[in-house]
Amino acid sequence: MLEVKGIENGIVIDHMKAGNGLKIFNLLFSNIEHPVVLLMNVKSDQLGKKDIIKVENTFDVDMNLLGLVDQNITVNTIKDNMLVDKKKVEIPKTLTGGIKCQNPRCITHSDDYAIPTFTLLKSNGKLEYECNYCEEITVYKL
């Protein structure tokens, strides 16, 4: 059996549905310089199988992007080998960056200073966000 040791200082992103770990790694950690461990298809009593990401010496993570990808996630903060904080992500009601507006004429596609900002409209099987610049509805499928 594979054994992965705990981290001394950093974060553990846990309870991701199997397959979401790689998506989250690519979104948030593909260019990080600290050690990262991505565990995939780990046995879970709650989910059957889950993915886990452990990031050494990093304490900051975009909770909105995590909530966009998978609402089951918990983020555990570890300091001196001790769990000091545990947070559960939520579907973000507002979102800055992370997704692009579906309107090709939206200013966010042509102006580097206009960062895409969205407001949640619906969250029933798919997330519908309204662009705060052009009011186009952008759908993010769960």
Protein backbone atom coordinates (compact mmCIF):
# COMPACT_ATOMS: atom_id res chain seq x y z
CA MET A 1 0.00 0.00 0.00
CA LEU A 2 1.18 3.51 -0.83
CA GLU A 3 2.13 5.59 2.21
CA VAL A 4 2.34 9.37 2.04
CA LYS A 5 3.60 11.19 5.09
CA GLY A 6 1.92 14.25 6.55
CA ILE A 7 3.19 17.75 5.99
CA GLU A 8 4.78 19.92 8.67
CA ASN A 9 3.47 23.27 7.42
CA GLY A 10 1.04 23.91 4.60
CA ILE A 11 -2.43 22.99 3.41
CA VAL A 12 -4.26 19.76 2.66
CA ILE A 13 -7.14 19.97 0.20
CA ASP A 14 -9.34 16.99 1.01
CA HIS A 15 -12.67 15.39 0.05
CA MET A 16 -12.45 16.15 -3.67
CA LYS A 17 -14.49 13.88 -5.91
CA ALA A 18 -12.20 11.45 -7.73
CA GLY A 19 -10.95 13.15 -10.89
CA ASN A 20 -11.22 16.73 -9.60
CA GLY A 21 -7.73 16.72 -8.07
CA LEU A 22 -6.00 17.10 -11.42
CA LYS A 23 -8.35 19.94 -12.44
CA ILE A 24 -7.60 21.80 -9.23
CA PHE A 25 -3.87 21.12 -9.48
CA ASN A 26 -3.83 22.57 -13.01
CA LEU A 27 -5.91 25.61 -11.97
CA LEU A 28 -3.97 26.52 -8.84
CA PHE A 29 -0.65 24.73 -8.48
CA SER A 30 0.88 23.98 -11.89
CA ASN A 31 3.56 26.69 -11.45
CA ILE A 32 4.18 26.45 -7.71
CA GLU A 33 7.73 26.04 -6.41
CA HIS A 34 6.86 24.27 -3.15
CA PRO A 35 6.47 20.49 -2.88
CA VAL A 36 2.99 19.28 -3.90
CA VAL A 37 1.51 15.79 -3.61
CA LEU A 38 -1.57 14.86 -5.65
CA LEU A 39 -3.25 11.64 -4.49
CA MET A 40 -5.91 10.26 -6.80
CA ASN A 41 -8.58 7.61 -6.26
CA VAL A 42 -7.94 7.26 -2.53
CA LYS A 43 -10.48 5.12 -0.65
CA SER A 44 -13.11 7.23 1.13
CA ASP A 45 -15.98 6.22 3.39
CA GLN A 46 -18.03 9.27 2.34
CA LEU A 47 -17.29 9.46 -1.39
CA GLY A 48 -16.17 5.94 -2.28
CA LYS A 49 -13.05 7.40 -3.91
CA LYS A 50 -11.54 10.84 -3.50
CA ASP A 51 -8.55 12.97 -4.47
CA ILE A 52 -6.28 14.82 -2.03
CA ILE A 53 -3.70 17.57 -2.61
CA LYS A 54 -0.99 18.36 -0.04
CA VAL A 55 1.00 21.56 -0.51
CA GLU A 56 4.03 22.21 1.68
CA ASN A 57 4.79 25.79 2.88
CA THR A 58 1.70 27.32 1.27
CA PHE A 59 -1.23 28.70 3.23
CA ASP A 60 -3.11 30.73 0.65
CA VAL A 61 -5.59 29.14 -1.75
CA ASP A 62 -8.46 30.55 -3.79
CA MET A 63 -11.52 29.19 -1.97
CA ASN A 64 -13.82 30.52 -4.73
CA LEU A 65 -12.12 28.48 -7.43
CA LEU A 66 -12.20 25.41 -5.22
CA GLY A 67 -15.93 25.93 -4.59
CA LEU A 68 -16.50 26.34 -8.31
CA VAL A 69 -14.95 22.95 -9.11
CA ASP A 70 -16.16 20.86 -6.15
CA GLN A 71 -18.40 21.83 -3.24
CA ASN A 72 -17.34 18.83 -1.08
CA ILE A 73 -13.81 20.13 -0.51
CA THR A 74 -12.33 20.89 2.88
CA VAL A 75 -9.10 22.87 3.25
CA ASN A 76 -7.00 21.94 6.28
CA THR A 77 -4.24 24.26 7.48
CA ILE A 78 -1.30 22.50 9.12
CA LYS A 79 1.30 24.30 11.27
CA ASP A 80 4.05 22.47 13.15
CA ASN A 81 2.43 19.12 12.27
CA MET A 82 -0.86 20.18 13.91
CA LEU A 83 -4.25 20.89 12.33
CA VAL A 84 -4.95 24.55 13.16
CA ASP A 85 -7.87 25.32 10.85
CA LYS A 86 -10.41 23.46 8.74
CA LYS A 87 -12.65 25.21 6.20
CA LYS A 88 -15.36 23.87 3.93
CA VAL A 89 -15.71 25.54 0.53
CA GLU A 90 -18.99 26.91 -0.81
CA ILE A 91 -20.30 27.79 -4.24
CA PRO A 92 -19.06 31.37 -4.74
CA LYS A 93 -21.81 33.98 -4.95
CA THR A 94 -19.41 36.38 -6.66
CA LEU A 95 -16.40 35.35 -8.71
CA THR A 96 -13.44 37.37 -9.91
CA GLY A 97 -11.36 35.60 -12.54
CA GLY A 98 -11.29 31.85 -12.82
CA ILE A 99 -13.75 31.70 -15.74
CA LYS A 100 -14.12 33.74 -18.90
CA CYS A 101 -17.22 35.53 -20.12
CA GLN A 102 -18.98 33.63 -22.92
CA ASN A 103 -19.67 36.88 -24.79
CA PRO A 104 -16.80 37.26 -27.30
CA ARG A 105 -17.48 41.02 -27.48
CA CYS A 106 -17.18 41.52 -23.70
CA ILE A 107 -14.55 44.08 -22.71
CA THR A 108 -12.85 41.47 -20.51
CA HIS A 109 -11.55 39.76 -23.68
CA SER A 110 -9.82 42.87 -25.06
CA ASP A 111 -8.87 45.00 -22.03
CA ASP A 112 -6.14 43.60 -19.76
CA TYR A 113 -7.35 45.76 -16.87
CA ALA A 114 -10.95 44.49 -17.01
CA ILE A 115 -10.87 41.33 -14.91
CA PRO A 116 -13.94 39.14 -15.47
CA THR A 117 -16.29 39.48 -12.50
CA PHE A 118 -19.49 37.48 -12.12
CA THR A 119 -22.54 37.20 -9.86
CA LEU A 120 -24.23 33.83 -9.26
CA LEU A 121 -27.75 33.55 -10.69
CA LYS A 122 -28.55 29.80 -10.37
CA SER A 123 -26.86 26.72 -8.95
CA ASN A 124 -28.99 23.68 -9.83
CA GLY A 125 -26.74 21.12 -11.55
CA LYS A 126 -24.93 23.88 -13.41
CA LEU A 127 -23.74 27.23 -12.17
CA GLU A 128 -25.03 30.28 -14.04
CA TYR A 129 -23.08 33.50 -13.54
CA GLU A 130 -23.90 36.93 -14.92
CA CYS A 131 -20.97 39.00 -16.17
CA ASN A 132 -20.82 42.30 -14.28
CA TYR A 133 -19.53 44.07 -17.42
CA CYS A 134 -21.85 42.92 -20.22
CA GLU A 135 -24.59 41.02 -18.32
CA GLU A 136 -24.05 37.89 -20.47
CA ILE A 137 -24.84 34.64 -18.69
CA THR A 138 -21.88 32.27 -18.44
CA VAL A 139 -22.52 28.63 -17.48
CA TYR A 140 -20.06 26.53 -15.48
CA LYS A 141 -21.05 22.86 -15.50
CA LEU A 142 -20.39 20.91 -12.32
